Amino acid sequence: MLRQQLAAVHFGPQADFTFVPEPLETRYMDWSLPPFGAGEASTAPVAAALANAVFDATGVRLRAVPFTPDRVKAALTAHAGSGAPTPSTPDVGRQ
């Protein structure tokens, strides 16, 4: 029954093989690094850029993602209580 159902399905030209290759030997590599695809590797610098933007704006260095409003507020509160100086805002029009 399954063969009859599959026989009625058209899989396109890529499934019309005139030559069937011999089975290939498959080997798995022992890979200790986490898996990355084409896009995942490019997203790693984004967190650092956002952390730098928050630091430039507030003077507070966040070192763990996600940068939630609660985490930013807690870091600002801790920073204000520490007496550490905050970076000054540059005058944009001044030269």
N, C-alpha and C. Protein backbone atom coordinates (compact mmCIF):
# COMPACT_ATOMS: atom_id res chain seq x y z
N MET A 1 0.82 -1.19 0.00
CA MET A 1 0.00 0.00 0.00
C MET A 1 0.86 1.26 0.00
N LEU A 2 1.92 1.28 0.83
CA LEU A 2 2.79 2.45 0.90
C LEU A 2 3.50 2.67 -0.43
N ARG A 3 3.92 1.60 -1.09
CA ARG A 3 4.58 1.74 -2.39
C ARG A 3 3.65 2.38 -3.42
N GLN A 4 2.39 2.01 -3.40
CA GLN A 4 1.44 2.58 -4.34
C GLN A 4 1.24 4.06 -4.06
N GLN A 5 1.21 4.43 -2.78
CA GLN A 5 1.04 5.84 -2.44
C GLN A 5 2.26 6.65 -2.86
N LEU A 6 3.45 6.11 -2.61
CA LEU A 6 4.67 6.82 -2.99
C LEU A 6 4.85 6.88 -4.49
N ALA A 7 4.36 5.87 -5.20
CA ALA A 7 4.46 5.87 -6.66
C ALA A 7 3.65 7.00 -7.27
N ALA A 8 2.61 7.44 -6.59
CA ALA A 8 1.77 8.51 -7.10
C ALA A 8 2.33 9.90 -6.80
N VAL A 9 3.32 9.98 -5.94
CA VAL A 9 3.89 11.28 -5.55
C VAL A 9 5.01 11.65 -6.51
N HIS A 10 4.97 12.89 -6.99
CA HIS A 10 6.04 13.38 -7.87
C HIS A 10 7.04 14.17 -7.02
N PHE A 11 8.29 13.71 -6.99
CA PHE A 11 9.31 14.34 -6.16
C PHE A 11 10.16 15.36 -6.93
N GLY A 12 9.91 15.55 -8.19
CA GLY A 12 10.68 16.51 -8.96
C GLY A 12 11.84 15.86 -9.66
N PRO A 13 12.54 16.62 -10.52
CA PRO A 13 13.63 16.04 -11.32
C PRO A 13 14.82 15.59 -10.48
N GLN A 14 15.02 16.18 -9.32
CA GLN A 14 16.17 15.77 -8.52
C GLN A 14 16.04 14.34 -7.99
N ALA A 15 14.84 13.79 -7.97
CA ALA A 15 14.63 12.43 -7.48
C ALA A 15 14.66 11.39 -8.60
N ASP A 16 14.78 11.84 -9.85
CA ASP A 16 14.82 10.92 -10.97
C ASP A 16 16.27 10.52 -11.26
N PHE A 17 16.76 9.52 -10.54
CA PHE A 17 18.14 9.07 -10.70
C PHE A 17 18.22 8.01 -11.78
N THR A 18 19.16 8.20 -12.67
CA THR A 18 19.45 7.14 -13.62
C THR A 18 20.62 6.30 -13.13
N PHE A 19 21.39 6.85 -12.19
CA PHE A 19 22.52 6.14 -11.62
C PHE A 19 22.40 6.20 -10.10
N VAL A 20 22.52 5.06 -9.46
CA VAL A 20 22.47 5.01 -8.00
C VAL A 20 23.88 4.68 -7.51
N PRO A 21 24.52 5.59 -6.75
CA PRO A 21 25.89 5.34 -6.31
C PRO A 21 25.94 4.25 -5.24
N GLU A 22 27.14 3.72 -5.06
CA GLU A 22 27.37 2.74 -4.00
C GLU A 22 27.23 3.45 -2.65
N PRO A 23 26.90 2.70 -1.61
CA PRO A 23 26.82 3.33 -0.29
C PRO A 23 28.15 3.94 0.12
N LEU A 24 28.09 5.08 0.76
CA LEU A 24 29.28 5.77 1.21
C LEU A 24 29.56 5.45 2.67
N GLU A 25 30.82 5.40 3.00
CA GLU A 25 31.20 5.21 4.39
C GLU A 25 31.10 6.55 5.11
N THR A 26 30.46 6.55 6.24
CA THR A 26 30.27 7.78 7.01
C THR A 26 31.08 7.70 8.29
N ARG A 27 31.83 8.76 8.55
CA ARG A 27 32.62 8.84 9.78
C ARG A 27 32.23 10.10 10.53
N TYR A 28 32.16 9.98 11.83
CA TYR A 28 31.83 11.12 12.67
C TYR A 28 33.09 11.64 13.34
N MET A 29 33.25 12.95 13.36
CA MET A 29 34.43 13.56 13.96
C MET A 29 34.16 13.83 15.43
N ASP A 30 35.18 13.67 16.24
CA ASP A 30 35.09 14.05 17.64
C ASP A 30 35.35 15.55 17.71
N TRP A 31 34.30 16.32 17.91
CA TRP A 31 34.36 17.77 17.84
C TRP A 31 33.96 18.33 19.19
N SER A 32 34.87 19.03 19.87
CA SER A 32 34.60 19.53 21.21
C SER A 32 33.98 20.92 21.22
N LEU A 33 33.98 21.60 20.09
CA LEU A 33 33.42 22.95 20.03
C LEU A 33 31.90 22.90 19.88
N PRO A 34 31.21 23.95 20.35
CA PRO A 34 29.75 23.96 20.16
C PRO A 34 29.40 24.12 18.69
N PRO A 35 28.25 23.60 18.28
CA PRO A 35 27.88 23.71 16.87
C PRO A 35 27.52 25.15 16.50
N PHE A 36 28.01 25.58 15.37
CA PHE A 36 27.68 26.89 14.83
C PHE A 36 27.28 26.73 13.38
N GLY A 37 26.27 27.45 12.99
CA GLY A 37 25.86 27.47 11.60
C GLY A 37 26.38 28.71 10.92
N ALA A 38 25.79 29.08 9.83
CA ALA A 38 26.26 30.23 9.07
C ALA A 38 25.96 31.54 9.79
N GLY A 39 24.84 31.62 10.49
CA GLY A 39 24.46 32.88 11.12
C GLY A 39 24.84 33.00 12.58
N GLU A 40 24.98 31.88 13.27
CA GLU A 40 25.23 31.94 14.71
C GLU A 40 26.56 32.59 15.04
N ALA A 41 27.58 32.35 14.27
CA ALA A 41 28.90 32.91 14.56
C ALA A 41 28.90 34.43 14.44
N SER A 42 28.07 34.97 13.57
CA SER A 42 28.04 36.42 13.40
C SER A 42 27.25 37.13 14.48
N THR A 43 26.48 36.41 15.28
CA THR A 43 25.70 37.06 16.33
C THR A 43 26.48 37.23 17.63
N ALA A 44 27.62 36.58 17.77
CA ALA A 44 28.39 36.68 19.01
C ALA A 44 28.84 38.10 19.32
N PRO A 45 29.32 38.90 18.38
CA PRO A 45 29.77 40.26 18.71
C PRO A 45 28.63 41.22 19.07
N VAL A 46 27.40 40.85 18.80
CA VAL A 46 26.28 41.77 19.06
C VAL A 46 26.14 42.06 20.54
N ALA A 47 26.27 41.05 21.39
CA ALA A 47 26.14 41.27 22.84
C ALA A 47 27.22 42.21 23.34
N ALA A 48 28.44 42.06 22.85
CA ALA A 48 29.52 42.95 23.26
C ALA A 48 29.25 44.38 22.82
N ALA A 49 28.74 44.55 21.61
CA ALA A 49 28.42 45.89 21.11
C ALA A 49 27.32 46.54 21.95
N LEU A 50 26.30 45.75 22.29
CA LEU A 50 25.23 46.29 23.13
C LEU A 50 25.74 46.64 24.52
N ALA A 51 26.59 45.78 25.08
CA ALA A 51 27.15 46.06 26.41
C ALA A 51 27.98 47.34 26.38
N ASN A 52 28.74 47.54 25.32
CA ASN A 52 29.52 48.77 25.19
C ASN A 52 28.63 50.00 25.04
N ALA A 53 27.52 49.86 24.33
CA ALA A 53 26.57 50.97 24.19
C ALA A 53 25.95 51.34 25.53
N VAL A 54 25.58 50.32 26.32
CA VAL A 54 25.02 50.58 27.65
C VAL A 54 26.07 51.25 28.53
N PHE A 55 27.31 50.79 28.45
CA PHE A 55 28.38 51.39 29.25
C PHE A 55 28.62 52.84 28.84
N ASP A 56 28.65 53.11 27.53
CA ASP A 56 28.85 54.48 27.06
C ASP A 56 27.73 55.40 27.52
N ALA A 57 26.52 54.88 27.56
CA ALA A 57 25.37 55.70 27.95
C ALA A 57 25.23 55.88 29.45
N THR A 58 25.63 54.88 30.23
CA THR A 58 25.34 54.92 31.66
C THR A 58 26.57 54.87 32.56
N GLY A 59 27.68 54.40 32.05
CA GLY A 59 28.86 54.21 32.89
C GLY A 59 28.83 52.90 33.65
N VAL A 60 27.85 52.06 33.38
CA VAL A 60 27.70 50.77 34.05
C VAL A 60 28.07 49.67 33.07
N ARG A 61 28.97 48.79 33.51
CA ARG A 61 29.40 47.68 32.66
C ARG A 61 28.56 46.45 32.97
N LEU A 62 27.79 45.98 32.00
CA LEU A 62 27.01 44.75 32.14
C LEU A 62 27.80 43.62 31.49
N ARG A 63 27.96 42.51 32.20
CA ARG A 63 28.79 41.42 31.69
C ARG A 63 28.01 40.12 31.47
N ALA A 64 26.71 40.15 31.63
CA ALA A 64 25.90 38.94 31.41
C ALA A 64 24.64 39.31 30.64
N VAL A 65 24.35 38.54 29.62
CA VAL A 65 23.12 38.73 28.85
C VAL A 65 22.02 37.87 29.45
N PRO A 66 20.80 38.18 29.29
CA PRO A 66 20.23 39.30 28.54
C PRO A 66 20.27 40.59 29.35
N PHE A 67 20.33 41.71 28.66
CA PHE A 67 20.36 43.02 29.30
C PHE A 67 18.92 43.49 29.51
N THR A 68 18.28 42.95 30.51
CA THR A 68 16.88 43.29 30.80
C THR A 68 16.82 44.63 31.53
N PRO A 69 15.68 45.29 31.48
CA PRO A 69 15.54 46.54 32.24
C PRO A 69 15.83 46.36 33.73
N ASP A 70 15.40 45.24 34.29
CA ASP A 70 15.66 45.01 35.72
C ASP A 70 17.16 44.90 36.00
N ARG A 71 17.89 44.23 35.15
CA ARG A 71 19.34 44.11 35.34
C ARG A 71 20.03 45.46 35.19
N VAL A 72 19.59 46.24 34.22
CA VAL A 72 20.20 47.57 34.03
C VAL A 72 19.90 48.45 35.24
N LYS A 73 18.66 48.44 35.72
CA LYS A 73 18.31 49.23 36.90
C LYS A 73 19.10 48.79 38.12
N ALA A 74 19.25 47.49 38.32
CA ALA A 74 20.02 46.99 39.46
C ALA A 74 21.48 47.41 39.35
N ALA A 75 22.05 47.36 38.16
CA ALA A 75 23.44 47.77 37.97
C ALA A 75 23.59 49.27 38.20
N LEU A 76 22.61 50.06 37.76
CA LEU A 76 22.66 51.50 37.99
C LEU A 76 22.57 51.82 39.47
N THR A 77 21.70 51.12 40.19
CA THR A 77 21.56 51.33 41.63
C THR A 77 22.85 50.96 42.36
N ALA A 78 23.43 49.84 42.00
CA ALA A 78 24.68 49.41 42.64
C ALA A 78 25.81 50.39 42.31
N HIS A 79 25.82 50.89 41.08
CA HIS A 79 26.87 51.82 40.66
C HIS A 79 26.72 53.16 41.39
N ALA A 80 25.47 53.61 41.56
CA ALA A 80 25.24 54.88 42.25
C ALA A 80 25.66 54.80 43.72
N GLY A 81 25.46 53.64 44.33
CA GLY A 81 25.84 53.47 45.73
C GLY A 81 27.33 53.28 45.94
N SER A 82 28.07 52.99 44.87
CA SER A 82 29.50 52.73 45.01
C SER A 82 30.33 54.01 45.01
N GLY A 83 29.76 55.09 44.53
CA GLY A 83 30.50 56.35 44.48
C GLY A 83 31.45 56.44 43.31
N ALA A 84 31.40 55.48 42.39
CA ALA A 84 32.28 55.50 41.21
C ALA A 84 31.84 56.59 40.25
N PRO A 85 32.79 57.24 39.60
CA PRO A 85 32.41 58.31 38.67
C PRO A 85 31.73 57.75 37.43
N THR A 86 30.86 58.53 36.86
CA THR A 86 30.21 58.16 35.60
C THR A 86 30.89 58.93 34.47
N PRO A 87 30.91 58.36 33.27
CA PRO A 87 31.56 59.08 32.17
C PRO A 87 30.78 60.34 31.82
N SER A 88 31.50 61.39 31.47
CA SER A 88 30.82 62.63 31.11
C SER A 88 30.33 62.54 29.68
N THR A 89 29.24 63.21 29.39
CA THR A 89 28.70 63.24 28.04
C THR A 89 29.43 64.30 27.25
N PRO A 90 30.01 63.93 26.11
CA PRO A 90 30.73 64.95 25.33
C PRO A 90 29.76 65.95 24.72
N ASP A 91 30.23 67.17 24.56
CA ASP A 91 29.43 68.18 23.88
C ASP A 91 29.50 67.91 22.39
N VAL A 92 28.35 67.64 21.80
CA VAL A 92 28.33 67.25 20.40
C VAL A 92 28.75 68.39 19.48
N GLY A 93 28.25 69.59 19.72
CA GLY A 93 28.54 70.70 18.83
C GLY A 93 29.83 71.41 19.15
N ARG A 94 30.47 71.11 20.24
CA ARG A 94 31.67 71.82 20.68
C ARG A 94 32.92 71.26 19.99
N GLN A 95 33.82 72.17 19.59
CA GLN A 95 35.05 71.70 18.95
C GLN A 95 36.25 72.31 19.56
